[in-house]
C-alpha cells in the first residue's frame, strides 16, 4: 500500500471513529462529475468545443460547481493531462487554479506509483469500496472531470451523485461514450440552462425509486 493510500485509510478511519464517539451522524461526500459531451454522448478530448467559444455564464456555472466541492477525483489519464496544464497556473491566469492546485486530488490508477502534483493521493486500482470510503471521508462535494473510464465504472456501481453535462450541438460518431453500454440508468433533471452559443447545460441526479 502506498504512503498516500495509507494516509487516506487512516484519515477516513479516524474520522469515522471520532464521529461515532461523538454520536454524530456520518456525513457523505457527493461525487459531481463534469463533462463536455456531444449530442451523441461522446466525451473524448473536447478540442471540438473551441468552435463554440466560451460563454461567461458557462464559466460562472463551472466556477459554482468547483466552489461547491472540497476535493477532486480523477482517473490517471485525466490526472496526467491536468497536471502540466494546471500546476503552473495562478489565480491571475485562471480563477479555477487555486481550486485545482490546493484541493486534495484523489487519483484512481493501477499503474501510477508516485504523484508529483501537490496535494495528490493515489488510491490504487478502481475499487467501489475505496470510493465509498472516500465519500465517507469528505464532507462536501467531490469534483470529477473527464476520466471517462472511471465515470462509467462509477455510474455502473451507483456512486455518481450528480452529472453536470455541457452538451454541444454536434455529433462525433466514433469515440468514447459517457454511459456504460450494459448498465441502463434513470436520471432526474435538477437544472437546465441554454447558453447563447447553443450549448445546453444539464444537471441530473440518479432517479429515486419508490
Protein backbone atom coordinates (compact mmCIF):
# COMPACT_ATOMS: atom_id res chain seq x y z
CA UNK A 1 0.00 0.00 0.00
CA UNK A 2 1.39 3.41 -0.98
CA UNK A 3 2.10 6.01 1.69
CA UNK A 4 -0.62 8.28 0.32
CA UNK A 5 -3.09 5.41 0.28
CA UNK A 6 -2.17 4.51 3.87
CA UNK A 7 -2.72 8.10 4.99
CA UNK A 8 -6.07 8.14 3.22
CA UNK A 9 -7.26 4.98 5.00
CA UNK A 10 -6.02 6.27 8.37
CA UNK A 11 -7.73 9.63 7.83
CA UNK A 12 -11.09 8.11 6.87
CA UNK A 13 -10.99 5.53 9.66
CA UNK A 14 -10.06 8.17 12.24
CA UNK A 15 -12.88 10.48 11.16
CA UNK A 16 -15.42 7.65 11.35
CA UNK A 17 -14.27 6.62 14.83
CA UNK A 18 -14.32 10.22 16.06
CA UNK A 19 -17.84 10.77 14.72
CA UNK A 20 -19.06 7.55 16.30
CA UNK A 21 -17.51 8.54 19.65
CA UNK A 22 -19.32 11.88 19.45
CA UNK A 23 -22.54 10.09 18.43
CA UNK A 24 -22.71 12.24 15.30
CA UNK A 25 -24.17 11.01 12.02
CA UNK A 26 -21.51 10.27 9.42
CA UNK A 27 -21.53 12.73 6.54
CA UNK A 28 -21.13 11.52 2.97
CA UNK A 29 -19.37 13.33 0.18
CA UNK A 30 -21.17 13.75 -3.14
CA UNK A 31 -19.41 12.98 -6.41
CA UNK A 32 -20.18 15.64 -9.01
CA UNK A 33 -18.99 14.70 -12.49
CA UNK A 34 -18.42 17.48 -15.04
CA UNK A 35 -18.27 16.51 -18.72
CA UNK A 36 -18.20 18.24 -22.09
CA UNK A 37 -20.31 15.99 -24.31
CA UNK A 38 -21.53 15.82 -27.91
CA UNK A 39 -25.17 15.19 -28.82
CA UNK A 40 -24.38 11.51 -29.36
CA UNK A 41 -22.76 11.14 -25.96
CA UNK A 42 -19.06 11.27 -26.89
CA UNK A 43 -16.69 12.67 -24.24
CA UNK A 44 -13.26 12.44 -25.89
CA UNK A 45 -10.70 15.27 -25.64
CA UNK A 46 -13.02 18.24 -26.22
CA UNK A 47 -11.00 20.21 -28.75
CA UNK A 48 -14.20 20.30 -30.81
CA UNK A 49 -15.70 22.70 -28.25
CA UNK A 50 -13.39 25.52 -29.39
CA UNK A 51 -15.62 26.42 -32.34
CA UNK A 52 -18.38 27.43 -29.94
CA UNK A 53 -16.38 29.84 -27.83
CA UNK A 54 -16.67 30.08 -24.07
CA UNK A 55 -19.71 31.86 -22.65
CA UNK A 56 -19.15 33.86 -19.44
CA UNK A 57 -22.26 32.24 -17.98
CA UNK A 58 -20.72 28.83 -18.60
CA UNK A 59 -17.59 29.88 -16.76
CA UNK A 60 -19.74 31.06 -13.86
CA UNK A 61 -21.56 27.74 -13.68
CA UNK A 62 -18.30 25.78 -13.74
CA UNK A 63 -16.92 28.08 -11.05
CA UNK A 64 -20.01 27.50 -8.91
CA UNK A 65 -19.57 23.74 -9.33
CA UNK A 66 -15.94 23.90 -8.26
CA UNK A 67 -16.73 26.12 -5.28
CA UNK A 68 -19.26 23.55 -4.04
CA UNK A 69 -16.55 20.90 -3.82
CA UNK A 70 -13.89 20.11 -1.22
CA UNK A 71 -11.82 17.55 -3.16
CA UNK A 72 -11.07 16.27 -6.66
CA UNK A 73 -11.32 12.72 -8.02
CA UNK A 74 -9.58 11.80 -11.30
CA UNK A 75 -8.54 8.84 -13.41
CA UNK A 76 -4.88 8.53 -14.34
CA UNK A 77 -5.11 9.80 -17.93
CA UNK A 78 -7.01 12.93 -16.96
CA UNK A 79 -4.73 13.50 -13.95
CA UNK A 80 -1.64 13.33 -16.17
CA UNK A 81 -3.28 15.71 -18.65
CA UNK A 82 -4.38 18.18 -16.00
CA UNK A 83 -1.13 18.33 -14.03
CA UNK A 84 1.02 20.18 -16.61
CA UNK A 85 -1.96 22.33 -17.61
CA UNK A 86 -2.91 23.45 -14.10
CA UNK A 87 0.09 23.05 -11.79
CA UNK A 88 1.87 26.20 -13.00
CA UNK A 89 -1.21 28.40 -13.22
CA UNK A 90 -2.14 31.00 -10.65
CA UNK A 91 -5.39 32.78 -9.88
CA UNK A 92 -4.24 35.57 -12.20
CA UNK A 93 -4.06 33.06 -15.06
CA UNK A 94 -7.33 31.27 -14.30
CA UNK A 95 -9.73 31.71 -11.36
CA UNK A 96 -10.03 27.93 -11.13
CA UNK A 97 -6.29 27.45 -10.49
CA UNK A 98 -6.39 27.70 -6.67
CA UNK A 99 -9.11 25.05 -6.51
CA UNK A 100 -7.28 22.69 -8.85
CA UNK A 101 -3.90 23.10 -7.14
CA UNK A 102 -4.85 23.47 -3.47
CA UNK A 103 -7.58 20.83 -3.25
CA UNK A 104 -6.71 17.24 -2.39
CA UNK A 105 -6.67 15.24 -5.61
CA UNK A 106 -7.52 11.53 -5.36
CA UNK A 107 -6.25 9.51 -8.32
CA UNK A 108 -7.59 6.11 -9.34
CA UNK A 109 -4.84 4.15 -11.09
CA UNK A 110 -3.34 0.67 -11.11
CA UNK A 111 -0.09 1.89 -12.69
CA UNK A 112 0.69 5.31 -11.20
CA UNK A 113 3.16 4.83 -8.34
CA UNK A 114 4.15 8.40 -7.50
CA UNK A 115 2.30 11.70 -7.78
CA UNK A 116 4.24 14.89 -8.41
CA UNK A 117 1.31 17.33 -8.40
CA UNK A 118 0.83 18.92 -4.98
CA UNK A 119 -1.86 17.55 -2.66
CA UNK A 120 -2.30 14.29 -4.58
CA UNK A 121 -3.22 10.88 -3.16
CA UNK A 122 -3.06 7.70 -5.25
CA UNK A 123 -5.97 5.40 -4.39
CA UNK A 124 -4.76 2.41 -6.42
CA UNK A 125 -6.88 0.48 -8.93
CA UNK A 126 -10.60 1.11 -9.14
CA UNK A 127 -12.50 -0.46 -6.27
CA UNK A 128 -16.08 0.57 -5.41
CA UNK A 129 -15.41 0.13 -1.69
CA UNK A 130 -12.45 2.53 -1.87
CA UNK A 131 -14.72 5.13 -3.47
CA UNK A 132 -17.33 4.59 -0.76
CA UNK A 133 -14.62 5.15 1.85
CA UNK A 134 -13.61 8.33 0.05
CA UNK A 135 -17.19 9.59 0.03
CA UNK A 136 -17.39 8.82 3.72
CA UNK A 137 -14.25 10.81 4.41
CA UNK A 138 -15.05 14.01 2.50
CA UNK A 139 -17.61 16.38 3.97
CA UNK A 140 -18.80 18.08 0.81
CA UNK A 141 -18.62 17.80 -2.95
CA UNK A 142 -16.02 15.77 -4.83
CA UNK A 143 -15.30 17.26 -8.24
CA UNK A 144 -14.72 14.83 -11.11
CA UNK A 145 -13.86 15.91 -14.66
CA UNK A 146 -13.09 13.87 -17.76
CA UNK A 147 -11.90 10.44 -16.59
CA UNK A 148 -14.31 8.55 -18.85
CA UNK A 149 -13.38 5.02 -17.76
CA UNK A 150 -13.70 5.98 -14.10
CA UNK A 151 -17.02 7.76 -14.64
CA UNK A 152 -18.52 4.76 -16.43
CA UNK A 153 -17.48 2.49 -13.56
CA UNK A 154 -18.95 4.88 -11.00
CA UNK A 155 -22.24 5.06 -12.91
CA UNK A 156 -22.40 1.27 -13.14
CA UNK A 157 -21.83 0.97 -9.39
CA UNK A 158 -24.31 3.71 -8.46
CA UNK A 159 -21.66 6.02 -7.00
CA UNK A 160 -22.24 9.19 -9.03
CA UNK A 161 -24.43 11.73 -7.23
CA UNK A 162 -24.63 14.46 -9.87
CA UNK A 163 -23.81 14.69 -13.58
CA UNK A 164 -23.03 18.18 -14.84
CA UNK A 165 -23.21 17.86 -18.62
CA UNK A 166 -22.31 20.58 -21.10
CA UNK A 167 -23.87 19.24 -24.29
CA UNK A 168 -22.68 20.70 -27.60
CA UNK A 169 -24.91 20.76 -30.71
CA UNK A 170 -22.86 18.39 -32.84
CA UNK A 171 -22.33 14.66 -33.24
CA UNK A 172 -18.97 12.89 -33.14
CA UNK A 173 -19.86 9.42 -34.39
CA UNK A 174 -16.92 7.42 -33.08
CA UNK A 175 -15.33 7.95 -29.69
CA UNK A 176 -15.67 7.04 -26.03
CA UNK A 177 -19.19 7.49 -24.72
CA UNK A 178 -20.23 8.66 -21.29
CA UNK A 179 -22.65 5.93 -20.33
CA UNK A 180 -21.77 2.24 -19.99
CA UNK A 181 -23.34 0.09 -22.72
CA UNK A 182 -24.61 -2.63 -20.39
CA UNK A 183 -25.97 -0.55 -17.50
CA UNK A 184 -29.33 1.18 -18.18
CA UNK A 185 -29.90 4.04 -15.74
CA UNK A 186 -32.62 6.58 -14.99
CA UNK A 187 -31.92 10.18 -14.05
CA UNK A 188 -33.86 13.14 -12.70
CA UNK A 189 -33.38 16.62 -14.12
CA UNK A 190 -32.22 19.09 -11.46
CA UNK A 191 -31.38 22.04 -13.69
CA UNK A 192 -31.14 23.03 -17.35
CA UNK A 193 -29.66 26.12 -18.98
CA UNK A 194 -29.16 27.00 -22.64
CA UNK A 195 -26.28 29.40 -23.37
CA UNK A 196 -26.17 31.87 -26.24
CA UNK A 197 -23.63 29.68 -28.09
CA UNK A 198 -26.13 26.79 -28.27
CA UNK A 199 -24.57 24.68 -25.53
CA UNK A 200 -27.04 23.01 -23.17
CA UNK A 201 -26.09 22.62 -19.50
CA UNK A 202 -27.89 19.79 -17.72
CA UNK A 203 -27.57 18.78 -14.10
CA UNK A 204 -29.04 15.33 -13.47
CA UNK A 205 -29.13 13.10 -10.42
CA UNK A 206 -29.90 9.39 -10.12
CA UNK A 207 -33.66 8.86 -10.15
CA UNK A 208 -35.05 7.64 -6.86
CA UNK A 209 -37.20 4.54 -6.88
CA UNK A 210 -40.36 4.26 -4.83
